[in-house]
N, C-alpha and C. Protein backbone atom coordinates (compact mmCIF):
# COMPACT_ATOMS: atom_id res chain seq x y z
N MET A 1 -3.61 -18.42 -9.95
CA MET A 1 -2.72 -17.43 -9.91
C MET A 1 -1.95 -18.33 -9.12
N TYR A 2 -0.67 -17.31 -8.64
CA TYR A 2 0.54 -17.51 -8.30
C TYR A 2 0.69 -16.54 -7.50
N THR A 3 1.19 -17.03 -7.06
CA THR A 3 2.31 -15.94 -5.72
C THR A 3 2.97 -16.15 -4.66
N ASP A 4 4.52 -15.42 -5.54
CA ASP A 4 5.86 -15.68 -5.13
C ASP A 4 5.43 -15.42 -3.61
N PRO A 5 6.49 -16.44 -3.26
CA PRO A 5 7.10 -17.12 -2.03
C PRO A 5 7.28 -15.40 -1.13
N CYS A 6 8.53 -14.72 -1.26
CA CYS A 6 7.68 -13.62 -0.32
C CYS A 6 7.39 -13.00 -0.15
N THR A 7 6.33 -12.80 -1.17
CA THR A 7 5.04 -12.04 -0.64
C THR A 7 3.48 -12.68 0.14
N ILE A 8 3.69 -14.33 0.05
CA ILE A 8 3.35 -15.54 0.56
C ILE A 8 3.63 -14.93 2.15
N ALA A 9 5.52 -14.97 2.41
CA ALA A 9 6.48 -14.75 2.96
C ALA A 9 5.12 -13.55 4.75
N MET A 10 5.04 -12.55 3.70
CA MET A 10 4.67 -10.93 3.97
C MET A 10 3.53 -11.19 4.32
N GLN A 11 2.44 -12.53 4.25
CA GLN A 11 1.27 -12.29 4.58
C GLN A 11 1.32 -12.71 5.78
N SER A 12 2.10 -13.43 6.21
CA SER A 12 1.98 -14.61 7.11
C SER A 12 2.86 -13.50 8.04
N ASP A 13 3.37 -13.08 7.68
CA ASP A 13 4.03 -12.85 9.02
C ASP A 13 3.27 -11.20 9.39
N MET A 14 2.32 -10.60 8.40
CA MET A 14 1.11 -9.57 9.36
C MET A 14 0.41 -9.83 9.74
N ASN A 15 -0.06 -11.31 9.31
CA ASN A 15 -1.15 -11.93 11.05
C ASN A 15 -1.14 -12.39 11.96
N GLN A 16 0.36 -12.84 11.78
CA GLN A 16 0.59 -13.20 12.91
C GLN A 16 1.45 -12.11 13.26
N LEU A 17 1.99 -10.63 13.62
CA LEU A 17 1.83 -9.72 13.62
C LEU A 17 0.27 -9.34 14.05
N LYS A 18 -0.48 -9.18 13.55
CA LYS A 18 -2.49 -9.02 14.16
C LYS A 18 -2.08 -9.22 15.20
N GLU A 19 -2.37 -10.78 15.35
CA GLU A 19 -2.54 -11.33 16.10
C GLU A 19 -1.88 -11.56 17.26
N LEU A 20 -0.56 -11.01 17.51
CA LEU A 20 -0.50 -10.23 18.44
C LEU A 20 -0.95 -9.00 19.17
N ILE A 21 -1.09 -8.04 18.15
CA ILE A 21 -1.38 -7.32 17.92
C ILE A 21 -2.75 -7.49 19.14
N GLN A 22 -3.90 -7.72 19.14
CA GLN A 22 -5.23 -8.30 19.13
C GLN A 22 -4.72 -8.88 20.73
N GLU A 23 -4.29 -9.32 20.93
CA GLU A 23 -3.93 -9.99 22.18
C GLU A 23 -2.85 -9.11 23.43
N ASP A 24 -2.15 -8.93 22.26
CA ASP A 24 -1.79 -7.55 23.70
C ASP A 24 -2.39 -6.37 24.21
N LEU A 25 -3.43 -7.67 23.19
CA LEU A 25 -4.19 -4.92 23.53
C LEU A 25 -5.37 -5.55 24.24
N ALA A 26 -5.74 -6.25 24.58
CA ALA A 26 -7.06 -7.30 24.77
C ALA A 26 -5.87 -7.16 26.39
N THR A 27 -4.72 -7.88 26.77
CA THR A 27 -4.67 -8.01 27.61
C THR A 27 -4.26 -6.40 28.06
N PHE A 28 -3.31 -5.81 27.29
CA PHE A 28 -3.36 -3.84 28.12
C PHE A 28 -4.83 -3.51 28.41
N MET A 29 -6.49 -4.13 27.48
CA MET A 29 -7.29 -2.32 28.08
C MET A 29 -7.76 -3.50 28.76
N ASP A 30 -7.82 -5.10 29.20
CA ASP A 30 -8.07 -5.67 30.10
C ASP A 30 -7.62 -5.37 32.14
N GLU A 31 -6.17 -5.03 31.96
CA GLU A 31 -5.52 -4.50 32.45
C GLU A 31 -5.62 -3.03 32.75
N MET A 32 -6.39 -2.38 32.52
CA MET A 32 -5.67 -0.19 32.54
C MET A 32 -7.35 0.31 32.06
N ALA A 33 -8.14 -0.65 30.88
CA ALA A 33 -9.26 0.50 30.57
C ALA A 33 -8.83 1.85 30.79
N PRO A 34 -8.30 1.34 28.79
CA PRO A 34 -7.17 3.05 28.71
C PRO A 34 -8.39 3.74 27.43
N PRO A 35 -8.61 5.05 26.99
CA PRO A 35 -9.43 5.70 26.21
C PRO A 35 -9.13 5.04 24.15
N LEU A 36 -9.37 4.87 23.39
CA LEU A 36 -8.63 4.02 22.40
C LEU A 36 -8.12 5.48 22.03
N GLU A 37 -7.20 6.12 22.09
CA GLU A 37 -6.64 6.79 21.70
C GLU A 37 -5.69 6.75 22.69
N ILE A 38 -5.07 6.11 23.73
CA ILE A 38 -3.77 5.20 24.46
C ILE A 38 -4.16 4.10 23.94
N CYS A 39 -4.91 3.58 23.14
CA CYS A 39 -4.85 3.03 23.40
C CYS A 39 -3.63 2.03 21.36
N VAL A 40 -4.12 2.38 20.33
CA VAL A 40 -3.63 3.48 19.39
C VAL A 40 -1.96 3.40 19.39
N ASP A 41 -1.75 4.53 20.48
CA ASP A 41 -0.04 4.87 21.19
C ASP A 41 0.11 3.96 21.20
N TRP A 42 -0.79 3.47 22.22
CA TRP A 42 0.26 2.06 23.47
C TRP A 42 0.99 1.10 21.70
N VAL A 43 0.27 0.82 20.90
CA VAL A 43 0.31 -0.29 20.26
C VAL A 43 1.45 0.40 19.77
N CYS A 44 1.50 1.78 18.52
CA CYS A 44 2.83 2.34 18.45
C CYS A 44 3.37 2.29 18.71
N ASP A 45 3.75 2.07 20.30
CA ASP A 45 5.07 2.45 21.01
C ASP A 45 5.21 1.37 21.32
N ARG A 46 4.56 -0.14 21.60
CA ARG A 46 5.14 -1.27 21.27
C ARG A 46 5.42 -2.33 20.49
N PHE A 47 4.98 -2.04 19.39
CA PHE A 47 5.00 -2.49 18.28
C PHE A 47 6.46 -1.84 17.20
N ALA A 48 6.48 -0.60 17.52
CA ALA A 48 7.31 0.29 17.06
C ALA A 48 6.38 1.24 15.47
N LEU A 49 5.48 1.33 15.42
CA LEU A 49 4.42 0.72 13.63
C LEU A 49 4.65 2.73 14.35
N ASP A 50 4.33 2.99 12.73
CA ASP A 50 3.56 4.40 12.62
C ASP A 50 2.40 4.73 12.10
N CYS A 51 1.84 5.81 12.90
CA CYS A 51 0.19 5.34 12.71
C CYS A 51 -0.40 6.25 11.50
N ASP A 52 -1.51 5.06 10.91
CA ASP A 52 -2.12 5.22 10.09
C ASP A 52 -3.06 5.11 9.91
N ASP A 53 -4.56 5.74 8.98
CA ASP A 53 -5.65 5.66 9.22
C ASP A 53 -5.66 2.75 9.16
N ALA A 54 -4.88 2.71 8.26
CA ALA A 54 -5.38 1.51 8.36
C ALA A 54 -5.21 0.78 9.81
N LEU A 55 -4.07 1.69 10.74
CA LEU A 55 -4.18 0.71 11.69
C LEU A 55 -4.54 1.89 12.57
N VAL A 56 -5.69 3.10 12.40
CA VAL A 56 -5.69 3.39 13.10
C VAL A 56 -7.48 2.67 13.17
N ASP A 57 -8.27 1.66 12.65
CA ASP A 57 -9.51 0.98 12.39
C ASP A 57 -9.03 0.05 12.56
N PHE A 58 -7.52 -1.13 12.55
CA PHE A 58 -7.41 -2.17 12.90
C PHE A 58 -7.31 -1.52 14.36
N VAL A 59 -7.01 -0.85 15.22
CA VAL A 59 -7.53 -0.53 16.50
C VAL A 59 -8.09 -0.79 16.35
N ALA A 60 -8.43 0.28 16.49
CA ALA A 60 -10.19 0.23 17.04
C ALA A 60 -10.99 -0.55 16.50
N ASP A 61 -11.52 -1.50 15.61
CA ASP A 61 -11.58 -2.71 15.41
C ASP A 61 -11.46 -3.16 17.09
N CYS A 62 -10.21 -4.29 16.62
CA CYS A 62 -9.51 -4.56 18.87
C CYS A 62 -10.55 -3.90 20.13
N TYR A 63 -10.80 -2.42 19.31
CA TYR A 63 -10.72 -2.15 20.82
C TYR A 63 -13.24 -2.02 21.09
N PHE A 64 -13.46 -2.52 19.78
CA PHE A 64 -15.12 -1.91 20.85
C PHE A 64 -15.54 -4.02 20.42
N GLU A 65 -14.48 -4.54 19.53
CA GLU A 65 -14.25 -5.83 20.15
C GLU A 65 -14.26 -5.69 21.44
N ASN A 66 -13.30 -5.69 22.08
CA ASN A 66 -13.21 -6.21 22.96
C ASN A 66 -13.99 -5.45 24.66
N GLN A 67 -14.68 -4.42 24.45
CA GLN A 67 -15.61 -3.40 24.61
C GLN A 67 -17.05 -4.78 24.73
N MET A 68 -17.32 -5.46 24.06
CA MET A 68 -18.53 -6.45 23.82
C MET A 68 -18.48 -7.23 25.03
């Protein structure tokens, strides 16, 4: 299966962004202990992202992983 270089680059960029969000969110949560809603807002503001269901799900997963 062939994947064009632009698609590979975008996938790589998305993986890097997800890793960065996870790291920054963990630090934010450790310092502030905010509720999930504040974490979603913070991620949207910090990374200039539009809030959609996929982003909320991703932040929720990070949030509950950090709670353990």
